[in-house]
Amino acid sequence: MRDTLIALRSRATELAAKSEDEFLLADIVAMLSGIKLPCTYTKEEFSTILKEADEDYKTGRFVVQDELREKYDI
């Protein structure tokens, strides 16, 4: 099992070296290090988040910055 994992890590590293896609590289770094870096999303996750935000906006589920400032006396 260990040899398989090392081979997969080597192959992922080779593929990453050929890529200039910043998001792909961030995902690969996170996967190889075993952690998810802050503010990194897969393309699918980011697409889902954008769709949810768009639906919130369309249905009026948002707060205007001026309203927050007034509410919290900023």
N, C-alpha and C. Protein backbone atom coordinates (compact mmCIF):
# COMPACT_ATOMS: atom_id res chain seq x y z
N MET A 1 0.82 -1.19 0.00
CA MET A 1 0.00 0.00 0.00
C MET A 1 0.87 1.26 0.00
N ARG A 2 1.92 1.25 0.82
CA ARG A 2 2.80 2.42 0.91
C ARG A 2 3.43 2.72 -0.44
N ASP A 3 3.88 1.70 -1.13
CA ASP A 3 4.51 1.91 -2.45
C ASP A 3 3.52 2.51 -3.45
N THR A 4 2.27 2.07 -3.38
CA THR A 4 1.24 2.62 -4.27
C THR A 4 1.02 4.10 -3.98
N LEU A 5 0.93 4.44 -2.71
CA LEU A 5 0.73 5.85 -2.34
C LEU A 5 1.91 6.72 -2.76
N ILE A 6 3.10 6.21 -2.60
CA ILE A 6 4.29 6.97 -3.01
C ILE A 6 4.30 7.14 -4.53
N ALA A 7 3.91 6.10 -5.26
CA ALA A 7 3.85 6.20 -6.72
C ALA A 7 2.80 7.22 -7.15
N LEU A 8 1.65 7.21 -6.49
CA LEU A 8 0.60 8.18 -6.81
C LEU A 8 1.06 9.61 -6.51
N ARG A 9 1.75 9.79 -5.39
CA ARG A 9 2.26 11.11 -5.05
C ARG A 9 3.28 11.57 -6.10
N SER A 10 4.13 10.68 -6.53
CA SER A 10 5.13 11.01 -7.56
C SER A 10 4.45 11.41 -8.87
N ARG A 11 3.43 10.65 -9.25
CA ARG A 11 2.71 10.95 -10.50
C ARG A 11 1.99 12.29 -10.40
N ALA A 12 1.35 12.55 -9.27
CA ALA A 12 0.67 13.84 -9.08
C ALA A 12 1.67 14.99 -9.14
N THR A 13 2.83 14.79 -8.56
CA THR A 13 3.87 15.82 -8.57
C THR A 13 4.35 16.08 -10.00
N GLU A 14 4.51 15.02 -10.78
CA GLU A 14 4.91 15.17 -12.19
C GLU A 14 3.87 15.97 -12.97
N LEU A 15 2.60 15.63 -12.79
CA LEU A 15 1.54 16.34 -13.49
C LEU A 15 1.47 17.80 -13.05
N ALA A 16 1.66 18.06 -11.78
CA ALA A 16 1.63 19.43 -11.27
C ALA A 16 2.75 20.25 -11.88
N ALA A 17 3.88 19.64 -12.07
CA ALA A 17 5.03 20.35 -12.65
C ALA A 17 4.76 20.81 -14.07
N LYS A 18 3.84 20.15 -14.75
CA LYS A 18 3.51 20.50 -16.14
C LYS A 18 2.36 21.51 -16.23
N SER A 19 1.75 21.84 -15.10
CA SER A 19 0.58 22.71 -15.10
C SER A 19 0.93 24.12 -14.68
N GLU A 20 0.19 25.07 -15.22
CA GLU A 20 0.30 26.45 -14.78
C GLU A 20 -1.01 26.95 -14.19
N ASP A 21 -1.96 26.03 -14.02
CA ASP A 21 -3.27 26.35 -13.46
C ASP A 21 -3.13 26.54 -11.95
N GLU A 22 -3.24 27.79 -11.50
CA GLU A 22 -3.02 28.13 -10.09
C GLU A 22 -3.95 27.36 -9.15
N PHE A 23 -5.22 27.21 -9.54
CA PHE A 23 -6.19 26.53 -8.69
C PHE A 23 -5.89 25.04 -8.61
N LEU A 24 -5.51 24.45 -9.73
CA LEU A 24 -5.16 23.04 -9.74
C LEU A 24 -3.94 22.80 -8.86
N LEU A 25 -2.95 23.66 -8.98
CA LEU A 25 -1.74 23.50 -8.19
C LEU A 25 -2.04 23.64 -6.69
N ALA A 26 -2.90 24.58 -6.32
CA ALA A 26 -3.27 24.74 -4.92
C ALA A 26 -3.97 23.48 -4.41
N ASP A 27 -4.84 22.91 -5.23
CA ASP A 27 -5.52 21.67 -4.84
C ASP A 27 -4.53 20.53 -4.65
N ILE A 28 -3.56 20.43 -5.55
CA ILE A 28 -2.57 19.37 -5.47
C ILE A 28 -1.72 19.53 -4.21
N VAL A 29 -1.29 20.75 -3.93
CA VAL A 29 -0.51 20.99 -2.72
C VAL A 29 -1.30 20.58 -1.49
N ALA A 30 -2.57 20.96 -1.44
CA ALA A 30 -3.42 20.62 -0.30
C ALA A 30 -3.57 19.10 -0.17
N MET A 31 -3.80 18.43 -1.29
CA MET A 31 -3.96 16.98 -1.24
C MET A 31 -2.68 16.29 -0.80
N LEU A 32 -1.54 16.72 -1.33
CA LEU A 32 -0.28 16.09 -0.99
C LEU A 32 0.12 16.35 0.46
N SER A 33 -0.26 17.50 0.98
CA SER A 33 0.10 17.81 2.36
C SER A 33 -0.92 17.26 3.36
N GLY A 34 -2.05 16.80 2.84
CA GLY A 34 -3.06 16.23 3.71
C GLY A 34 -3.94 17.26 4.39
N ILE A 35 -3.84 18.49 3.96
CA ILE A 35 -4.68 19.54 4.55
C ILE A 35 -5.35 20.32 3.43
N LYS A 36 -6.42 20.95 3.78
CA LYS A 36 -7.08 21.84 2.83
C LYS A 36 -6.65 23.25 3.17
N LEU A 37 -6.05 23.92 2.22
CA LEU A 37 -5.57 25.27 2.46
C LEU A 37 -6.74 26.22 2.59
N PRO A 38 -6.59 27.26 3.39
CA PRO A 38 -7.69 28.22 3.52
C PRO A 38 -8.00 28.87 2.18
N CYS A 39 -9.27 29.05 1.93
CA CYS A 39 -9.74 29.73 0.72
C CYS A 39 -9.39 29.00 -0.57
N THR A 40 -9.19 27.72 -0.51
CA THR A 40 -9.00 26.98 -1.75
C THR A 40 -10.21 26.08 -1.95
N TYR A 41 -10.73 26.10 -3.13
CA TYR A 41 -11.89 25.30 -3.47
C TYR A 41 -11.60 24.56 -4.77
N THR A 42 -12.23 23.41 -4.92
CA THR A 42 -12.19 22.77 -6.22
C THR A 42 -13.09 23.58 -7.14
N LYS A 43 -12.97 23.37 -8.41
CA LYS A 43 -13.83 24.08 -9.36
C LYS A 43 -15.30 23.78 -9.08
N GLU A 44 -15.59 22.53 -8.71
CA GLU A 44 -16.97 22.14 -8.43
C GLU A 44 -17.49 22.85 -7.18
N GLU A 45 -16.66 22.89 -6.12
CA GLU A 45 -17.07 23.58 -4.90
C GLU A 45 -17.32 25.06 -5.16
N PHE A 46 -16.41 25.68 -5.90
CA PHE A 46 -16.54 27.11 -6.18
C PHE A 46 -17.79 27.38 -7.01
N SER A 47 -18.06 26.53 -7.98
CA SER A 47 -19.25 26.67 -8.81
C SER A 47 -20.51 26.58 -7.96
N THR A 48 -20.54 25.63 -7.04
CA THR A 48 -21.70 25.47 -6.15
C THR A 48 -21.89 26.70 -5.28
N ILE A 49 -20.82 27.22 -4.73
CA ILE A 49 -20.88 28.40 -3.87
C ILE A 49 -21.39 29.61 -4.66
N LEU A 50 -20.90 29.77 -5.88
CA LEU A 50 -21.35 30.89 -6.71
C LEU A 50 -22.83 30.78 -7.04
N LYS A 51 -23.28 29.58 -7.34
CA LYS A 51 -24.70 29.37 -7.65
C LYS A 51 -25.57 29.71 -6.44
N GLU A 52 -25.13 29.27 -5.24
CA GLU A 52 -25.88 29.57 -4.03
C GLU A 52 -25.93 31.08 -3.78
N ALA A 53 -24.80 31.75 -3.96
CA ALA A 53 -24.74 33.20 -3.75
C ALA A 53 -25.64 33.92 -4.76
N ASP A 54 -25.64 33.45 -5.99
CA ASP A 54 -26.48 34.05 -7.02
C ASP A 54 -27.96 33.90 -6.67
N GLU A 55 -28.34 32.73 -6.20
CA GLU A 55 -29.74 32.50 -5.79
C GLU A 55 -30.10 33.40 -4.61
N ASP A 56 -29.19 33.53 -3.65
CA ASP A 56 -29.44 34.43 -2.52
C ASP A 56 -29.67 35.85 -3.01
N TYR A 57 -28.84 36.29 -3.93
CA TYR A 57 -28.98 37.66 -4.45
C TYR A 57 -30.31 37.85 -5.18
N LYS A 58 -30.65 36.87 -6.02
CA LYS A 58 -31.89 36.96 -6.80
C LYS A 58 -33.14 37.00 -5.91
N THR A 59 -33.07 36.33 -4.77
CA THR A 59 -34.24 36.27 -3.89
C THR A 59 -34.18 37.31 -2.77
N GLY A 60 -33.18 38.18 -2.82
CA GLY A 60 -33.10 39.26 -1.83
C GLY A 60 -32.52 38.86 -0.49
N ARG A 61 -31.90 37.68 -0.43
CA ARG A 61 -31.29 37.24 0.83
C ARG A 61 -29.86 37.75 0.91
N PHE A 62 -29.72 39.04 1.14
CA PHE A 62 -28.40 39.64 1.30
C PHE A 62 -28.55 40.91 2.13
N VAL A 63 -27.44 41.39 2.63
CA VAL A 63 -27.44 42.62 3.43
C VAL A 63 -26.51 43.61 2.75
N VAL A 64 -26.96 44.83 2.63
CA VAL A 64 -26.15 45.89 2.04
C VAL A 64 -25.15 46.37 3.09
N GLN A 65 -23.95 46.67 2.66
CA GLN A 65 -22.89 47.07 3.57
C GLN A 65 -23.29 48.26 4.44
N ASP A 66 -23.99 49.21 3.88
CA ASP A 66 -24.44 50.37 4.66
C ASP A 66 -25.38 49.96 5.79
N GLU A 67 -26.22 48.94 5.54
CA GLU A 67 -27.11 48.45 6.59
C GLU A 67 -26.32 47.85 7.75
N LEU A 68 -25.26 47.13 7.43
CA LEU A 68 -24.42 46.55 8.48
C LEU A 68 -23.72 47.64 9.29
N ARG A 69 -23.23 48.64 8.60
CA ARG A 69 -22.56 49.75 9.30
C ARG A 69 -23.52 50.45 10.25
N GLU A 70 -24.75 50.67 9.79
CA GLU A 70 -25.75 51.33 10.62
C GLU A 70 -26.13 50.45 11.81
N LYS A 71 -26.33 49.17 11.55
CA LYS A 71 -26.75 48.23 12.60
C LYS A 71 -25.70 48.14 13.70
N TYR A 72 -24.44 48.08 13.30
CA TYR A 72 -23.35 47.90 14.28
C TYR A 72 -22.63 49.20 14.62
N ASP A 73 -23.19 50.31 14.19
CA ASP A 73 -22.65 51.64 14.51
C ASP A 73 -21.16 51.72 14.16
N ILE A 74 -20.86 51.38 12.94
CA ILE A 74 -19.46 51.41 12.47
C ILE A 74 -19.21 52.69 11.70
